[in-house]
Protein backbone atom coordinates (compact mmCIF):
# COMPACT_ATOMS: atom_id res chain seq x y z
CA MET A 1 76.25 21.04 -7.87
CA GLY A 2 72.98 19.29 -8.61
CA GLN A 3 70.56 18.50 -5.84
CA PRO A 4 68.93 15.07 -5.57
CA SER A 5 65.23 15.03 -6.26
CA PRO A 6 62.68 12.24 -6.35
CA HIS A 7 61.80 10.64 -9.68
CA ALA A 8 58.35 11.34 -11.07
CA PRO A 9 55.98 8.37 -10.67
CA VAL A 10 55.94 5.84 -13.51
CA VAL A 11 53.59 3.21 -14.89
CA ARG A 12 54.42 -0.24 -13.59
CA LEU A 13 54.45 -2.68 -16.51
CA VAL A 14 54.45 -6.47 -16.45
CA ALA A 15 54.95 -8.66 -19.51
CA VAL A 16 53.14 -11.97 -19.07
CA ILE A 17 54.48 -14.82 -21.20
CA THR A 18 52.55 -18.07 -21.30
CA ARG A 19 50.73 -20.45 -23.63
CA HIS A 20 47.93 -21.10 -21.13
CA ALA A 21 44.88 -18.83 -20.92
CA GLU A 22 44.36 -19.96 -17.33
CA ALA A 23 47.91 -18.85 -16.40
CA LEU A 24 47.30 -15.41 -17.90
CA SER A 25 44.04 -15.08 -16.00
CA TRP A 26 45.73 -16.16 -12.75
CA ALA A 27 48.51 -13.64 -13.33
CA GLU A 28 46.07 -10.80 -13.99
CA GLN A 29 44.07 -11.59 -10.85
CA THR A 30 47.17 -12.03 -8.66
CA LEU A 31 48.88 -8.88 -9.93
CA ALA A 32 45.74 -6.74 -9.63
CA ALA A 33 45.05 -8.00 -6.10
CA ALA A 34 48.54 -6.90 -5.02
CA TRP A 35 49.22 -3.85 -7.17
CA GLY A 36 45.79 -2.44 -7.87
CA PRO A 37 43.67 -2.18 -10.98
CA ILE A 38 45.07 -2.78 -14.44
CA ALA A 39 44.72 0.47 -16.40
CA LEU A 40 45.71 -0.91 -19.80
CA ARG A 41 46.01 -4.42 -21.21
CA SER A 42 47.60 -5.20 -24.54
CA PRO A 43 46.35 -7.82 -26.91
CA THR A 44 48.13 -11.13 -26.53
CA PHE A 45 50.94 -10.94 -29.06
CA ASP A 46 52.37 -14.01 -30.74
CA PHE A 47 55.78 -14.54 -29.11
CA ALA A 48 57.88 -16.33 -31.72
CA GLN A 49 61.02 -14.17 -32.03
CA THR A 50 63.06 -16.61 -29.95
CA ASP A 51 63.02 -20.23 -28.87
CA TYR A 52 64.86 -19.37 -25.63
CA TYR A 53 61.86 -20.34 -23.47
CA THR A 54 60.68 -23.41 -25.41
CA SER A 55 62.50 -25.99 -23.27
CA THR A 56 60.93 -24.74 -20.02
CA MET A 57 57.67 -23.17 -21.21
CA GLY A 58 56.70 -25.08 -24.36
CA ALA A 59 55.90 -23.80 -27.85
CA GLY A 60 53.16 -21.44 -28.99
CA LEU A 61 53.79 -18.73 -26.40
CA GLY A 62 51.97 -15.42 -26.21
CA LYS A 63 53.00 -12.18 -24.52
CA THR A 64 50.54 -9.78 -22.92
CA PHE A 65 51.47 -6.46 -21.33
CA LEU A 66 49.68 -5.16 -18.24
CA ALA A 67 50.01 -1.51 -17.19
CA PHE A 68 48.80 -0.65 -13.72
CA GLU A 69 46.62 2.28 -12.71
CA ARG A 70 48.54 3.20 -9.58
CA LEU A 71 51.62 5.27 -10.50
CA VAL A 72 54.68 4.20 -8.53
CA ASP A 73 58.27 5.02 -7.60
CA PRO A 74 60.67 3.37 -10.08
CA GLY A 75 63.19 2.95 -7.26
CA GLU A 76 61.16 -0.09 -6.15
CA LEU A 77 61.96 -2.10 -9.29
CA VAL A 78 64.05 -4.66 -7.37
CA GLU A 79 61.11 -5.46 -5.09
CA TRP A 80 58.77 -5.87 -8.06
CA LYS A 81 61.12 -8.36 -9.70
CA TYR A 82 61.43 -10.40 -6.50
CA GLN A 83 57.64 -10.45 -6.19
CA THR A 84 56.99 -11.50 -9.80
CA ASN A 85 59.62 -14.25 -9.49
CA ALA A 86 57.82 -15.51 -6.36
CA TRP A 87 54.49 -15.50 -8.19
CA GLU A 88 56.00 -17.49 -11.07
CA ASP A 89 57.17 -20.11 -8.56
CA GLU A 90 53.78 -20.08 -6.82
CA PHE A 91 51.92 -20.75 -10.06
CA ALA A 92 54.36 -23.48 -11.15
CA ALA A 93 53.93 -25.19 -7.76
CA LEU A 94 50.20 -25.56 -8.43
CA GLY A 95 51.18 -28.31 -10.91
CA ARG A 96 48.41 -27.54 -13.40
CA HIS A 97 50.64 -27.70 -16.48
CA PRO A 98 53.34 -30.10 -17.65
CA GLU A 99 56.02 -27.45 -18.22
CA PRO A 100 58.39 -26.58 -15.36
CA ARG A 101 57.74 -22.88 -16.04
CA PRO A 102 54.20 -22.35 -17.33
CA LEU A 103 54.28 -18.61 -16.57
CA ASN A 104 56.91 -15.88 -16.99
CA LEU A 105 56.38 -12.42 -15.46
CA ASP A 106 58.78 -9.66 -16.50
CA SER A 107 58.69 -6.50 -14.38
CA GLY A 108 59.44 -3.03 -15.63
CA TYR A 109 58.09 0.45 -16.07
CA ILE A 110 57.33 3.15 -18.58
CA SER A 111 58.20 6.79 -18.04
CA PRO A 112 57.73 9.51 -20.65
CA ALA A 113 61.36 8.95 -21.73
CA LYS A 114 61.92 5.20 -21.56
CA LEU A 115 60.85 1.62 -21.00
CA VAL A 116 62.95 -0.12 -18.35
CA LEU A 117 63.00 -3.87 -17.63
CA ALA A 118 64.36 -5.68 -14.59
CA SER A 119 66.60 -8.72 -14.93
CA THR A 120 68.46 -11.20 -12.76
CA LYS A 121 71.17 -11.44 -15.43
CA ASP A 122 74.17 -9.13 -15.71
CA HIS A 123 75.39 -7.87 -19.07
CA ALA A 124 77.44 -4.94 -20.36
CA HIS A 125 74.33 -2.81 -20.91
CA ARG A 126 72.67 -3.47 -17.55
CA ILE A 127 73.02 -1.49 -14.34
CA TYR A 128 73.27 -3.30 -11.02
CA LEU A 129 70.50 -2.21 -8.65
CA GLY A 130 71.40 -4.37 -5.67
CA ARG A 131 70.24 -7.70 -4.24
CA GLY A 132 71.13 -9.55 -7.45
CA MET A 133 68.95 -7.42 -9.73
CA TYR A 134 69.78 -5.36 -12.80
CA ALA A 135 67.92 -2.86 -14.97
CA GLU A 136 68.16 -2.04 -18.64
CA ILE A 137 66.69 0.74 -20.72
CA THR A 138 65.10 -1.49 -23.33
CA LEU A 139 63.55 1.35 -25.35
CA PHE A 140 63.80 5.12 -25.25
CA TYR A 141 61.41 7.74 -26.59
CA LYS A 142 62.80 10.34 -28.97
CA HIS A 143 61.35 12.39 -31.85
CA LYS A 144 57.83 11.08 -31.16
CA ALA A 145 58.75 7.40 -31.45
CA TRP A 146 60.12 4.49 -29.46
CA ARG A 147 63.75 3.74 -30.33
CA ASP A 148 65.72 0.60 -29.62
CA HIS A 149 69.34 -0.11 -28.77
CA GLU A 150 71.55 -2.74 -30.37
CA TYR A 151 70.83 -5.00 -27.37
CA THR A 152 67.04 -4.51 -27.35
CA PHE A 153 65.24 -7.86 -27.41
CA PRO A 154 63.92 -8.55 -30.95
CA ASP A 155 60.27 -8.62 -29.92
CA TYR A 156 60.54 -5.19 -28.26
CA ARG A 157 61.42 -3.75 -31.68
CA ARG A 158 57.95 -4.61 -32.99
CA ALA A 159 55.64 -1.85 -34.18
CA ASP A 160 52.60 -3.42 -32.48
CA TYR A 161 54.41 -3.37 -29.11
CA HIS A 162 55.40 0.24 -29.73
CA ALA A 163 51.77 1.13 -30.46
CA PHE A 164 50.74 -0.27 -27.08
CA PHE A 165 53.63 1.50 -25.32
CA ASP A 166 52.50 4.74 -27.00
CA THR A 167 49.06 4.24 -25.47
CA VAL A 168 50.61 3.69 -22.03
CA ARG A 169 52.85 6.74 -22.43
CA ARG A 170 49.90 8.95 -23.44
CA TRP A 171 47.88 7.61 -20.49
CA LEU A 172 50.77 8.38 -18.11
CA ARG A 173 51.12 11.92 -19.44
CA ALA A 174 47.38 12.48 -19.01
CA GLN A 175 47.61 11.34 -15.37
CA ALA A 176 50.47 13.74 -14.71
CA SER A 177 48.62 16.78 -16.05
């Protein structure tokens, strides 16, 4: 019989989607104040693989990934998602932009083996974590490369995203040694 053991710490990752530089700056400052320094920041990638967010966020969106210096317990993913949802609402309530949702913050983490994202939506490939939250293994790492699943969001299949996730993974492995 196997014995339970704690999970190794992971890199907390947040995907920031917005078309407003000021919203991205606010997100970076808010996240860093709560969760500590940002270890790695991706370029802002053009986010045009879907029009899912256009009605609430507008057109011309960008996506920036933030990886945090402080390694954390992945068992806290539900709390992270609740917190990022609250911050989205807080920024929207400032009323600085015409869209009802000027900022989207997607919580997740990177371990040496996978990239996991939190969601409030159930689906066949998502695991219920409790309190209305789900998790999905969006990408997995095998044979020295990130691999996707049939349900992986189209933008997460991009080579430029994978290059950034490689950087995060290498950074995590260096912290662990």
